[in-house]
């Protein structure tokens, strides 16, 4: 089973709230400790920067260096639990962007 770290960027079948489908897309790992006992990851959606912005979206500074083909944002409001075995690592979020995401999560999860 692959190992994932917090702030890894993975490709997963991300579930949608608005419609009963899953679509393979990038996501950001925010908790990987569930993997040891349950083989689960908590992830945030990553979407195209061209989409309408939501409050607390975090723009990814250097999308090409983190493994993304287009300018993208981390959509911190979209959290999902996914099967670790269905995830493929494609990169890792940069330190400054990780600090921004972490600050939003700290504020939202209190």
PDB file of N, CA and C in Angstrom:
ATOM      1  N   UNK A   1       0.849  -1.182   0.000  1.00  0.00           N
ATOM      2  CA  UNK A   1       0.000   0.000   0.000  1.00  0.00           C
ATOM      3  C   UNK A   1       0.895   1.247   0.000  1.00  0.00           C
ATOM      4  N   UNK A   2       0.614   2.209  -0.865  1.00  0.00           N
ATOM      5  CA  UNK A   2       1.447   3.419  -0.900  1.00  0.00           C
ATOM      6  C   UNK A   2       1.315   4.231   0.382  1.00  0.00           C
ATOM      7  N   UNK A   3       2.366   4.995   0.671  1.00  0.00           N
ATOM      8  CA  UNK A   3       2.345   5.907   1.823  1.00  0.00           C
ATOM      9  C   UNK A   3       2.147   7.322   1.314  1.00  0.00           C
ATOM     10  N   UNK A   4       1.358   8.082   2.039  1.00  0.00           N
ATOM     11  CA  UNK A   4       1.112   9.469   1.684  1.00  0.00           C
ATOM     12  C   UNK A   4       1.405  10.347   2.883  1.00  0.00           C
ATOM     13  N   UNK A   5       1.860  11.551   2.600  1.00  0.00           N
ATOM     14  CA  UNK A   5       2.163  12.536   3.629  1.00  0.00           C
ATOM     15  C   UNK A   5       1.166  13.686   3.518  1.00  0.00           C
ATOM     16  N   UNK A   6       1.023  14.407   4.626  1.00  0.00           N
ATOM     17  CA  UNK A   6       0.189  15.602   4.618  1.00  0.00           C
ATOM     18  C   UNK A   6       0.742  16.573   3.577  1.00  0.00           C
ATOM     19  N   UNK A   7      -0.136  17.149   2.803  1.00  0.00           N
ATOM     20  CA  UNK A   7       0.146  18.100   1.723  1.00  0.00           C
ATOM     21  C   UNK A   7       0.678  17.453   0.448  1.00  0.00           C
ATOM     22  N   UNK A   8       0.624  16.113   0.357  1.00  0.00           N
ATOM     23  CA  UNK A   8       0.842  15.478  -0.933  1.00  0.00           C
ATOM     24  C   UNK A   8      -0.335  15.813  -1.841  1.00  0.00           C
ATOM     25  N   UNK A   9      -0.050  15.934  -3.127  1.00  0.00           N
ATOM     26  CA  UNK A   9      -1.104  16.084  -4.120  1.00  0.00           C
ATOM     27  C   UNK A   9      -1.279  14.722  -4.772  1.00  0.00           C
ATOM     28  N   UNK A  10      -2.534  14.262  -4.808  1.00  0.00           N
ATOM     29  CA  UNK A  10      -2.850  12.936  -5.325  1.00  0.00           C
ATOM     30  C   UNK A  10      -3.936  13.045  -6.395  1.00  0.00           C
ATOM     31  N   UNK A  11      -4.007  12.035  -7.246  1.00  0.00           N
ATOM     32  CA  UNK A  11      -5.115  11.894  -8.183  1.00  0.00           C
ATOM     33  C   UNK A  11      -6.068  10.872  -7.579  1.00  0.00           C
ATOM     34  N   UNK A  12      -7.351  11.253  -7.490  1.00  0.00           N
ATOM     35  CA  UNK A  12      -8.369  10.387  -6.866  1.00  0.00           C
ATOM     36  C   UNK A  12      -9.697  10.553  -7.586  1.00  0.00           C
ATOM     37  N   UNK A  13     -10.602   9.619  -7.350  1.00  0.00           N
ATOM     38  CA  UNK A  13     -11.984   9.763  -7.795  1.00  0.00           C
ATOM     39  C   UNK A  13     -12.701  10.578  -6.719  1.00  0.00           C
ATOM     40  N   UNK A  14     -12.825  11.875  -6.943  1.00  0.00           N
ATOM     41  CA  UNK A  14     -13.351  12.785  -5.924  1.00  0.00           C
ATOM     42  C   UNK A  14     -14.877  12.803  -5.987  1.00  0.00           C
ATOM     43  N   UNK A  15     -15.557  12.597  -4.842  1.00  0.00           N
ATOM     44  CA  UNK A  15     -17.029  12.621  -4.835  1.00  0.00           C
ATOM     45  C   UNK A  15     -17.554  14.056  -4.872  1.00  0.00           C
ATOM     46  N   UNK A  16     -18.660  14.252  -5.527  1.00  0.00           N
ATOM     47  CA  UNK A  16     -19.308  15.565  -5.599  1.00  0.00           C
ATOM     48  C   UNK A  16     -20.516  15.595  -4.676  1.00  0.00           C
ATOM     49  N   UNK A  17     -20.763  16.732  -4.055  1.00  0.00           N
ATOM     50  CA  UNK A  17     -21.936  16.910  -3.213  1.00  0.00           C
ATOM     51  C   UNK A  17     -23.152  17.208  -4.087  1.00  0.00           C
ATOM     52  N   UNK A  18     -22.937  17.984  -5.152  1.00  0.00           N
ATOM     53  CA  UNK A  18     -24.028  18.480  -5.986  1.00  0.00           C
ATOM     54  C   UNK A  18     -24.666  17.417  -6.874  1.00  0.00           C
ATOM     55  N   UNK A  19     -23.917  16.354  -7.182  1.00  0.00           N
ATOM     56  CA  UNK A  19     -24.424  15.334  -8.095  1.00  0.00           C
ATOM     57  C   UNK A  19     -23.821  13.983  -7.734  1.00  0.00           C
ATOM     58  N   UNK A  20     -24.532  12.918  -8.046  1.00  0.00           N
ATOM     59  CA  UNK A  20     -24.085  11.576  -7.605  1.00  0.00           C
ATOM     60  C   UNK A  20     -23.034  10.960  -8.528  1.00  0.00           C
ATOM     61  N   UNK A  21     -21.908  11.649  -8.689  1.00  0.00           N
ATOM     62  CA  UNK A  21     -20.831  11.108  -9.516  1.00  0.00           C
ATOM     63  C   UNK A  21     -19.502  11.284  -8.801  1.00  0.00           C
ATOM     64  N   UNK A  22     -18.513  10.609  -9.316  1.00  0.00           N
ATOM     65  CA  UNK A  22     -17.120  10.798  -8.908  1.00  0.00           C
ATOM     66  C   UNK A  22     -16.336  11.051 -10.179  1.00  0.00           C
ATOM     67  N   UNK A  23     -15.355  11.945 -10.070  1.00  0.00           N
ATOM     68  CA  UNK A  23     -14.528  12.254 -11.234  1.00  0.00           C
ATOM     69  C   UNK A  23     -13.073  12.242 -10.810  1.00  0.00           C
ATOM     70  N   UNK A  24     -12.227  11.625 -11.594  1.00  0.00           N
ATOM     71  CA  UNK A  24     -10.794  11.577 -11.276  1.00  0.00           C
ATOM     72  C   UNK A  24     -10.218  12.976 -11.405  1.00  0.00           C
ATOM     73  N   UNK A  25      -9.604  13.448 -10.340  1.00  0.00           N
ATOM     74  CA  UNK A  25      -9.087  14.809 -10.294  1.00  0.00           C
ATOM     75  C   UNK A  25      -8.019  14.903  -9.214  1.00  0.00           C
ATOM     76  N   UNK A  26      -7.271  15.997  -9.194  1.00  0.00           N
ATOM     77  CA  UNK A  26      -6.277  16.154  -8.132  1.00  0.00           C
ATOM     78  C   UNK A  26      -6.936  16.555  -6.819  1.00  0.00           C
ATOM     79  N   UNK A  27      -6.281  16.181  -5.747  1.00  0.00           N
ATOM     80  CA  UNK A  27      -6.743  16.534  -4.402  1.00  0.00           C
ATOM     81  C   UNK A  27      -5.519  16.662  -3.500  1.00  0.00           C
ATOM     82  N   UNK A  28      -5.707  17.363  -2.397  1.00  0.00           N
ATOM     83  CA  UNK A  28      -4.616  17.606  -1.447  1.00  0.00           C
ATOM     84  C   UNK A  28      -4.845  16.793  -0.179  1.00  0.00           C
ATOM     85  N   UNK A  29      -3.877  15.971   0.191  1.00  0.00           N
ATOM     86  CA  UNK A  29      -3.979  15.175   1.420  1.00  0.00           C
ATOM     87  C   UNK A  29      -3.837  16.098   2.624  1.00  0.00           C
ATOM     88  N   UNK A  30      -4.834  16.061   3.533  1.00  0.00           N
ATOM     89  CA  UNK A  30      -4.736  16.839   4.771  1.00  0.00           C
ATOM     90  C   UNK A  30      -4.623  15.945   5.999  1.00  0.00           C
ATOM     91  N   UNK A  31      -4.917  14.658   5.847  1.00  0.00           N
ATOM     92  CA  UNK A  31      -4.721  13.707   6.946  1.00  0.00           C
ATOM     93  C   UNK A  31      -4.443  12.344   6.348  1.00  0.00           C
ATOM     94  N   UNK A  32      -3.309  11.789   6.738  1.00  0.00           N
ATOM     95  CA  UNK A  32      -2.945  10.463   6.235  1.00  0.00           C
ATOM     96  C   UNK A  32      -2.840   9.433   7.348  1.00  0.00           C
ATOM     97  N   UNK A  33      -2.985   9.862   8.593  1.00  0.00           N
ATOM     98  CA  UNK A  33      -2.849   8.946   9.728  1.00  0.00           C
ATOM     99  C   UNK A  33      -3.945   7.884   9.726  1.00  0.00           C
ATOM    100  N   UNK A  34      -5.051   8.140   9.060  1.00  0.00           N
ATOM    101  CA  UNK A  34      -6.120   7.148   8.968  1.00  0.00           C
ATOM    102  C   UNK A  34      -5.691   5.931   8.155  1.00  0.00           C
ATOM    103  N   UNK A  35      -4.657   6.106   7.341  1.00  0.00           N
ATOM    104  CA  UNK A  35      -4.207   5.039   6.470  1.00  0.00           C
ATOM    105  C   UNK A  35      -3.697   3.818   7.200  1.00  0.00           C
ATOM    106  N   UNK A  36      -3.051   4.027   8.316  1.00  0.00           N
ATOM    107  CA  UNK A  36      -2.466   2.902   9.053  1.00  0.00           C
ATOM    108  C   UNK A  36      -3.536   1.920   9.518  1.00  0.00           C
ATOM    109  N   UNK A  37      -4.672   2.423   9.970  1.00  0.00           N
ATOM    110  CA  UNK A  37      -5.689   1.532  10.509  1.00  0.00           C
ATOM    111  C   UNK A  37      -6.884   1.314   9.591  1.00  0.00           C
ATOM    112  N   UNK A  38      -7.190   2.301   8.745  1.00  0.00           N
ATOM    113  CA  UNK A  38      -8.413   2.207   7.943  1.00  0.00           C
ATOM    114  C   UNK A  38      -8.192   2.308   6.437  1.00  0.00           C
ATOM    115  N   UNK A  39      -6.957   2.597   5.993  1.00  0.00           N
ATOM    116  CA  UNK A  39      -6.658   2.755   4.568  1.00  0.00           C
ATOM    117  C   UNK A  39      -7.459   3.893   3.939  1.00  0.00           C
ATOM    118  N   UNK A  40      -7.628   4.992   4.709  1.00  0.00           N
ATOM    119  CA  UNK A  40      -8.365   6.163   4.251  1.00  0.00           C
ATOM    120  C   UNK A  40      -7.495   7.407   4.304  1.00  0.00           C
ATOM    121  N   UNK A  41      -7.806   8.364   3.435  1.00  0.00           N
ATOM    122  CA  UNK A  41      -7.176   9.686   3.446  1.00  0.00           C
ATOM    123  C   UNK A  41      -8.270  10.739   3.498  1.00  0.00           C
ATOM    124  N   UNK A  42      -8.006  11.842   4.189  1.00  0.00           N
ATOM    125  CA  UNK A  42      -8.857  13.028   4.095  1.00  0.00           C
ATOM    126  C   UNK A  42      -8.173  13.953   3.099  1.00  0.00           C
ATOM    127  N   UNK A  43      -8.944  14.431   2.130  1.00  0.00           N
ATOM    128  CA  UNK A  43      -8.387  15.269   1.078  1.00  0.00           C
ATOM    129  C   UNK A  43      -9.261  16.490   0.822  1.00  0.00           C
ATOM    130  N   UNK A  44      -8.631  17.529   0.253  1.00  0.00           N
ATOM    131  CA  UNK A  44      -9.332  18.717  -0.224  1.00  0.00           C
ATOM    132  C   UNK A  44      -9.305  18.709  -1.743  1.00  0.00           C
ATOM    133  N   UNK A  45     -10.376  19.181  -2.341  1.00  0.00           N
ATOM    134  CA  UNK A  45     -10.443  19.265  -3.804  1.00  0.00           C
ATOM    135  C   UNK A  45      -9.437  20.285  -4.322  1.00  0.00           C
ATOM    136  N   UNK A  46      -8.848  19.978  -5.450  1.00  0.00           N
ATOM    137  CA  UNK A  46      -8.064  20.941  -6.220  1.00  0.00           C
ATOM    138  C   UNK A  46      -8.814  21.144  -7.530  1.00  0.00           C
ATOM    139  N   UNK A  47      -9.019  22.400  -7.898  1.00  0.00           N
ATOM    140  CA  UNK A  47      -9.772  22.716  -9.112  1.00  0.00           C
ATOM    141  C   UNK A  47      -9.040  23.770  -9.927  1.00  0.00           C
ATOM    142  N   UNK A  48      -9.484  23.953 -11.159  1.00  0.00           N
ATOM    143  CA  UNK A  48      -8.863  24.927 -12.058  1.00  0.00           C
ATOM    144  C   UNK A  48      -9.022  26.339 -11.511  1.00  0.00           C
ATOM    145  N   UNK A  49      -7.962  27.119 -11.611  1.00  0.00           N
ATOM    146  CA  UNK A  49      -7.997  28.511 -11.142  1.00  0.00           C
ATOM    147  C   UNK A  49      -8.980  29.344 -11.955  1.00  0.00           C
ATOM    148  N   UNK A  50      -9.305  28.904 -13.176  1.00  0.00           N
ATOM    149  CA  UNK A  50     -10.243  29.639 -14.026  1.00  0.00           C
ATOM    150  C   UNK A  50     -11.680  29.549 -13.520  1.00  0.00           C
ATOM    151  N   UNK A  51     -11.981  28.568 -12.668  1.00  0.00           N
ATOM    152  CA  UNK A  51     -13.330  28.449 -12.106  1.00  0.00           C
ATOM    153  C   UNK A  51     -13.613  29.612 -11.166  1.00  0.00           C
ATOM    154  N   UNK A  52     -14.898  29.858 -10.930  1.00  0.00           N
ATOM    155  CA  UNK A  52     -15.276  30.920  -9.997  1.00  0.00           C
ATOM    156  C   UNK A  52     -14.660  30.648  -8.630  1.00  0.00           C
ATOM    157  N   UNK A  53     -14.041  31.679  -8.057  1.00  0.00           N
ATOM    158  CA  UNK A  53     -13.372  31.522  -6.757  1.00  0.00           C
ATOM    159  C   UNK A  53     -14.400  31.417  -5.637  1.00  0.00           C
ATOM    160  N   UNK A  54     -14.052  30.654  -4.614  1.00  0.00           N
ATOM    161  CA  UNK A  54     -14.823  30.542  -3.385  1.00  0.00           C
ATOM    162  C   UNK A  54     -14.012  31.194  -2.275  1.00  0.00           C
ATOM    163  N   UNK A  55     -14.695  31.652  -1.213  1.00  0.00           N
ATOM    164  CA  UNK A  55     -13.936  32.142  -0.062  1.00  0.00           C
ATOM    165  C   UNK A  55     -13.000  31.034   0.447  1.00  0.00           C
ATOM    166  N   UNK A  56     -11.817  31.407   0.811  1.00  0.00           N
ATOM    167  CA  UNK A  56     -10.803  30.501   1.367  1.00  0.00           C
ATOM    168  C   UNK A  56     -10.193  29.532   0.358  1.00  0.00           C
ATOM    169  N   UNK A  57     -10.404  29.737  -0.953  1.00  0.00           N
ATOM    170  CA  UNK A  57      -9.609  29.008  -1.935  1.00  0.00           C
ATOM    171  C   UNK A  57      -8.160  29.480  -1.791  1.00  0.00           C
ATOM    172  N   UNK A  58      -7.213  28.590  -1.995  1.00  0.00           N
ATOM    173  CA  UNK A  58      -5.792  28.936  -1.940  1.00  0.00           C
ATOM    174  C   UNK A  58      -5.192  28.679  -3.319  1.00  0.00           C
ATOM    175  N   UNK A  59      -4.729  29.744  -3.956  1.00  0.00           N
ATOM    176  CA  UNK A  59      -4.100  29.613  -5.267  1.00  0.00           C
ATOM    177  C   UNK A  59      -2.764  28.889  -5.118  1.00  0.00           C
ATOM    178  N   UNK A  60      -2.513  27.923  -5.984  1.00  0.00           N
ATOM    179  CA  UNK A  60      -1.255  27.182  -5.976  1.00  0.00           C
ATOM    180  C   UNK A  60      -0.242  27.980  -6.786  1.00  0.00           C
ATOM    181  N   UNK A  61       0.861  28.362  -6.125  1.00  0.00           N
ATOM    182  CA  UNK A  61       1.837  29.274  -6.715  1.00  0.00           C
ATOM    183  C   UNK A  61       2.503  28.748  -7.981  1.00  0.00           C
ATOM    184  N   UNK A  62       2.932  27.512  -7.979  1.00  0.00           N
ATOM    185  CA  UNK A  62       3.723  26.983  -9.098  1.00  0.00           C
ATOM    186  C   UNK A  62       3.161  25.628  -9.509  1.00  0.00           C
ATOM    187  N   UNK A  63       2.058  25.655 -10.227  1.00  0.00           N
ATOM    188  CA  UNK A  63       1.324  24.422 -10.528  1.00  0.00           C
ATOM    189  C   UNK A  63       2.175  23.379 -11.254  1.00  0.00           C
ATOM    190  N   UNK A  64       3.054  23.790 -12.138  1.00  0.00           N
ATOM    191  CA  UNK A  64       3.852  22.817 -12.894  1.00  0.00           C
ATOM    192  C   UNK A  64       4.829  22.062 -11.998  1.00  0.00           C
ATOM    193  N   UNK A  65       5.431  22.751 -11.036  1.00  0.00           N
ATOM    194  CA  UNK A  65       6.399  22.095 -10.149  1.00  0.00           C
ATOM    195  C   UNK A  65       5.759  21.170  -9.130  1.00  0.00           C
ATOM    196  N   UNK A  66       4.446  21.265  -8.921  1.00  0.00           N
ATOM    197  CA  UNK A  66       3.781  20.361  -7.982  1.00  0.00           C
ATOM    198  C   UNK A  66       3.008  19.253  -8.703  1.00  0.00           C
ATOM    199  N   UNK A  67       3.149  19.203 -10.042  1.00  0.00           N
ATOM    200  CA  UNK A  67       2.568  18.102 -10.800  1.00  0.00           C
ATOM    201  C   UNK A  67       1.211  18.377 -11.417  1.00  0.00           C
ATOM    202  N   UNK A  68       0.799  19.650 -11.480  1.00  0.00           N
ATOM    203  CA  UNK A  68      -0.516  19.980 -12.037  1.00  0.00           C
ATOM    204  C   UNK A  68      -0.363  20.592 -13.433  1.00  0.00           C
ATOM    205  N   UNK A  69      -1.223  20.210 -14.375  1.00  0.00           N
ATOM    206  CA  UNK A  69      -1.067  20.677 -15.747  1.00  0.00           C
ATOM    207  C   UNK A  69      -1.540  22.108 -16.003  1.00  0.00           C
ATOM    208  N   UNK A  70      -2.392  22.645 -15.129  1.00  0.00           N
ATOM    209  CA  UNK A  70      -2.944  23.989 -15.338  1.00  0.00           C
ATOM    210  C   UNK A  70      -2.925  24.759 -14.022  1.00  0.00           C
ATOM    211  N   UNK A  71      -3.010  26.106 -14.069  1.00  0.00           N
ATOM    212  CA  UNK A  71      -3.123  26.881 -12.825  1.00  0.00           C
ATOM    213  C   UNK A  71      -4.333  26.392 -12.020  1.00  0.00           C
ATOM    214  N   UNK A  72      -4.118  26.202 -10.716  1.00  0.00           N
ATOM    215  CA  UNK A  72      -5.130  25.546  -9.881  1.00  0.00           C
ATOM    216  C   UNK A  72      -5.234  26.198  -8.515  1.00  0.00           C
ATOM    217  N   UNK A  73      -6.333  25.877  -7.812  1.00  0.00           N
ATOM    218  CA  UNK A  73      -6.534  26.324  -6.442  1.00  0.00           C
ATOM    219  C   UNK A  73      -6.932  25.134  -5.583  1.00  0.00           C
ATOM    220  N   UNK A  74      -6.590  25.206  -4.300  1.00  0.00           N
ATOM    221  CA  UNK A  74      -7.078  24.241  -3.321  1.00  0.00           C
ATOM    222  C   UNK A  74      -8.409  24.789  -2.816  1.00  0.00           C
ATOM    223  N   UNK A  75      -9.463  24.015  -2.975  1.00  0.00           N
ATOM    224  CA  UNK A  75     -10.798  24.409  -2.526  1.00  0.00           C
ATOM    225  C   UNK A  75     -10.982  23.859  -1.109  1.00  0.00           C
ATOM    226  N   UNK A  76     -10.640  24.685  -0.113  1.00  0.00           N
ATOM    227  CA  UNK A  76     -10.617  24.221   1.280  1.00  0.00           C
ATOM    228  C   UNK A  76     -12.001  23.862   1.817  1.00  0.00           C
ATOM    229  N   UNK A  77     -13.067  24.304   1.166  1.00  0.00           N
ATOM    230  CA  UNK A  77     -14.420  23.987   1.627  1.00  0.00           C
ATOM    231  C   UNK A  77     -14.873  22.597   1.194  1.00  0.00           C
ATOM    232  N   UNK A  78     -14.143  21.957   0.276  1.00  0.00           N
ATOM    233  CA  UNK A  78     -14.549  20.648  -0.241  1.00  0.00           C
ATOM    234  C   UNK A  78     -13.634  19.565   0.309  1.00  0.00           C
ATOM    235  N   UNK A  79     -14.082  18.890   1.357  1.00  0.00           N
ATOM    236  CA  UNK A  79     -13.322  17.840   2.034  1.00  0.00           C
ATOM    237  C   UNK A  79     -13.961  16.493   1.699  1.00  0.00           C
ATOM    238  N   UNK A  80     -13.135  15.486   1.468  1.00  0.00           N
ATOM    239  CA  UNK A  80     -13.650  14.143   1.198  1.00  0.00           C
ATOM    240  C   UNK A  80     -12.779  13.105   1.897  1.00  0.00           C
ATOM    241  N   UNK A  81     -13.371  11.953   2.171  1.00  0.00           N
ATOM    242  CA  UNK A  81     -12.642  10.786   2.654  1.00  0.00           C
ATOM    243  C   UNK A  81     -12.563   9.815   1.492  1.00  0.00           C
ATOM    244  N   UNK A  82     -11.341   9.406   1.163  1.00  0.00           N
ATOM    245  CA  UNK A  82     -11.175   8.521   0.012  1.00  0.00           C
ATOM    246  C   UNK A  82     -10.362   7.286   0.398  1.00  0.00           C
ATOM    247  N   UNK A  83     -10.513   6.250  -0.393  1.00  0.00           N
ATOM    248  CA  UNK A  83      -9.777   5.007  -0.203  1.00  0.00           C
ATOM    249  C   UNK A  83      -8.326   5.222  -0.620  1.00  0.00           C
ATOM    250  N   UNK A  84      -7.414   4.971   0.284  1.00  0.00           N
ATOM    251  CA  UNK A  84      -5.996   5.178   0.026  1.00  0.00           C
ATOM    252  C   UNK A  84      -5.512   4.381  -1.187  1.00  0.00           C
ATOM    253  N   UNK A  85      -6.044   3.206  -1.380  1.00  0.00           N
ATOM    254  CA  UNK A  85      -5.624   2.362  -2.490  1.00  0.00           C
ATOM    255  C   UNK A  85      -5.999   2.920  -3.857  1.00  0.00           C
ATOM    256  N   UNK A  86      -6.936   3.873  -3.879  1.00  0.00           N
ATOM    257  CA  UNK A  86      -7.379   4.465  -5.143  1.00  0.00           C
ATOM    258  C   UNK A  86      -6.624   5.754  -5.470  1.00  0.00           C
ATOM    259  N   UNK A  87      -5.690   6.153  -4.621  1.00  0.00           N
ATOM    260  CA  UNK A  87      -4.961   7.409  -4.809  1.00  0.00           C
ATOM    261  C   UNK A  87      -3.598   7.152  -5.436  1.00  0.00           C
ATOM    262  N   UNK A  88      -3.192   8.097  -6.275  1.00  0.00           N
ATOM    263  CA  UNK A  88      -1.865   8.071  -6.892  1.00  0.00           C
ATOM    264  C   UNK A  88      -1.197   9.407  -6.606  1.00  0.00           C
ATOM    265  N   UNK A  89       0.010   9.377  -6.031  1.00  0.00           N
ATOM    266  CA  UNK A  89       0.721  10.615  -5.729  1.00  0.00           C
ATOM    267  C   UNK A  89       1.235  11.248  -7.014  1.00  0.00           C
ATOM    268  N   UNK A  90       0.990  12.584  -7.146  1.00  0.00           N
ATOM    269  CA  UNK A  90       1.493  13.279  -8.324  1.00  0.00           C
ATOM    270  C   UNK A  90       2.429  14.429  -7.969  1.00  0.00           C
ATOM    271  N   UNK A  91       2.531  14.768  -6.687  1.00  0.00           N
ATOM    272  CA  UNK A  91       3.406  15.859  -6.273  1.00  0.00           C
ATOM    273  C   UNK A  91       3.156  16.232  -4.824  1.00  0.00           C
ATOM    274  N   UNK A  92       3.649  17.412  -4.450  1.00  0.00           N
ATOM    275  CA  UNK A  92       3.449  17.914  -3.090  1.00  0.00           C
ATOM    276  C   UNK A  92       3.297  19.425  -3.140  1.00  0.00           C
ATOM    277  N   UNK A  93       2.431  19.954  -2.300  1.00  0.00           N
ATOM    278  CA  UNK A  93       2.193  21.391  -2.231  1.00  0.00           C
ATOM    279  C   UNK A  93       3.416  22.095  -1.663  1.00  0.00           C
ATOM    280  N   UNK A  94       3.728  23.274  -2.185  1.00  0.00           N
ATOM    281  CA  UNK A  94       4.848  24.055  -1.685  1.00  0.00           C
ATOM    282  C   UNK A  94       4.618  24.539  -0.259  1.00  0.00           C
ATOM    283  N   UNK A  95       5.700  24.863   0.418  1.00  0.00           N
ATOM    284  CA  UNK A  95       5.666  25.234   1.838  1.00  0.00           C
ATOM    285  C   UNK A  95       4.755  26.432   2.121  1.00  0.00           C
ATOM    286  N   UNK A  96       4.863  27.512   1.334  1.00  0.00           N
ATOM    287  CA  UNK A  96       4.039  28.701   1.585  1.00  0.00           C
ATOM    288  C   UNK A  96       2.563  28.398   1.388  1.00  0.00           C
ATOM    289  N   UNK A  97       2.213  27.678   0.322  1.00  0.00           N
ATOM    290  CA  UNK A  97       0.817  27.302   0.108  1.00  0.00           C
ATOM    291  C   UNK A  97       0.323  26.376   1.202  1.00  0.00           C
ATOM    292  N   UNK A  98       1.166  25.456   1.668  1.00  0.00           N
ATOM    293  CA  UNK A  98       0.784  24.555   2.757  1.00  0.00           C
ATOM    294  C   UNK A  98       0.483  25.338   4.031  1.00  0.00           C
ATOM    295  N   UNK A  99       1.287  26.372   4.302  1.00  0.00           N
ATOM    296  CA  UNK A  99       1.027  27.203   5.482  1.00  0.00           C
ATOM    297  C   UNK A  99      -0.318  27.913   5.355  1.00  0.00           C
ATOM    298  N   UNK A 100      -0.646  28.402   4.149  1.00  0.00           N
ATOM    299  CA  UNK A 100      -1.930  29.068   3.932  1.00  0.00           C
ATOM    300  C   UNK A 100      -3.103  28.111   4.134  1.00  0.00           C
ATOM    301  N   UNK A 101      -3.004  26.917   3.572  1.00  0.00           N
ATOM    302  CA  UNK A 101      -4.064  25.916   3.741  1.00  0.00           C
ATOM    303  C   UNK A 101      -4.196  25.544   5.205  1.00  0.00           C
ATOM    304  N   UNK A 102      -3.076  25.327   5.880  1.00  0.00           N
ATOM    305  CA  UNK A 102      -3.111  24.950   7.292  1.00  0.00           C
ATOM    306  C   UNK A 102      -3.791  26.023   8.141  1.00  0.00           C
ATOM    307  N   UNK A 103      -3.510  27.295   7.875  1.00  0.00           N
ATOM    308  CA  UNK A 103      -4.136  28.390   8.633  1.00  0.00           C
ATOM    309  C   UNK A 103      -5.651  28.385   8.447  1.00  0.00           C
ATOM    310  N   UNK A 104      -6.108  28.139   7.235  1.00  0.00           N
ATOM    311  CA  UNK A 104      -7.560  28.086   6.986  1.00  0.00           C
ATOM    312  C   UNK A 104      -8.178  26.892   7.696  1.00  0.00           C
ATOM    313  N   UNK A 105      -7.527  25.742   7.638  1.00  0.00           N
ATOM    314  CA  UNK A 105      -8.050  24.569   8.324  1.00  0.00           C
ATOM    315  C   UNK A 105      -8.110  24.783   9.835  1.00  0.00           C
ATOM    316  N   UNK A 106      -7.083  25.396  10.399  1.00  0.00           N
ATOM    317  CA  UNK A 106      -7.077  25.694  11.834  1.00  0.00           C
ATOM    318  C   UNK A 106      -8.278  26.561  12.206  1.00  0.00           C
ATOM    319  N   UNK A 107      -8.549  27.553  11.393  1.00  0.00           N
ATOM    320  CA  UNK A 107      -9.662  28.459  11.658  1.00  0.00           C
ATOM    321  C   UNK A 107     -11.015  27.768  11.471  1.00  0.00           C
ATOM    322  N   UNK A 108     -11.154  26.975  10.446  1.00  0.00           N
ATOM    323  CA  UNK A 108     -12.434  26.326  10.138  1.00  0.00           C
ATOM    324  C   UNK A 108     -12.756  25.146  11.059  1.00  0.00           C
ATOM    325  N   UNK A 109     -11.759  24.463  11.517  1.00  0.00           N
ATOM    326  CA  UNK A 109     -12.002  23.229  12.284  1.00  0.00           C
ATOM    327  C   UNK A 109     -12.054  23.440  13.792  1.00  0.00           C
ATOM    328  N   UNK A 110     -12.073  24.664  14.214  1.00  0.00           N
ATOM    329  CA  UNK A 110     -12.128  24.935  15.664  1.00  0.00           C
ATOM    330  C   UNK A 110     -13.554  24.946  16.124  1.00  0.00           C
TER     331      UNK A 110
END
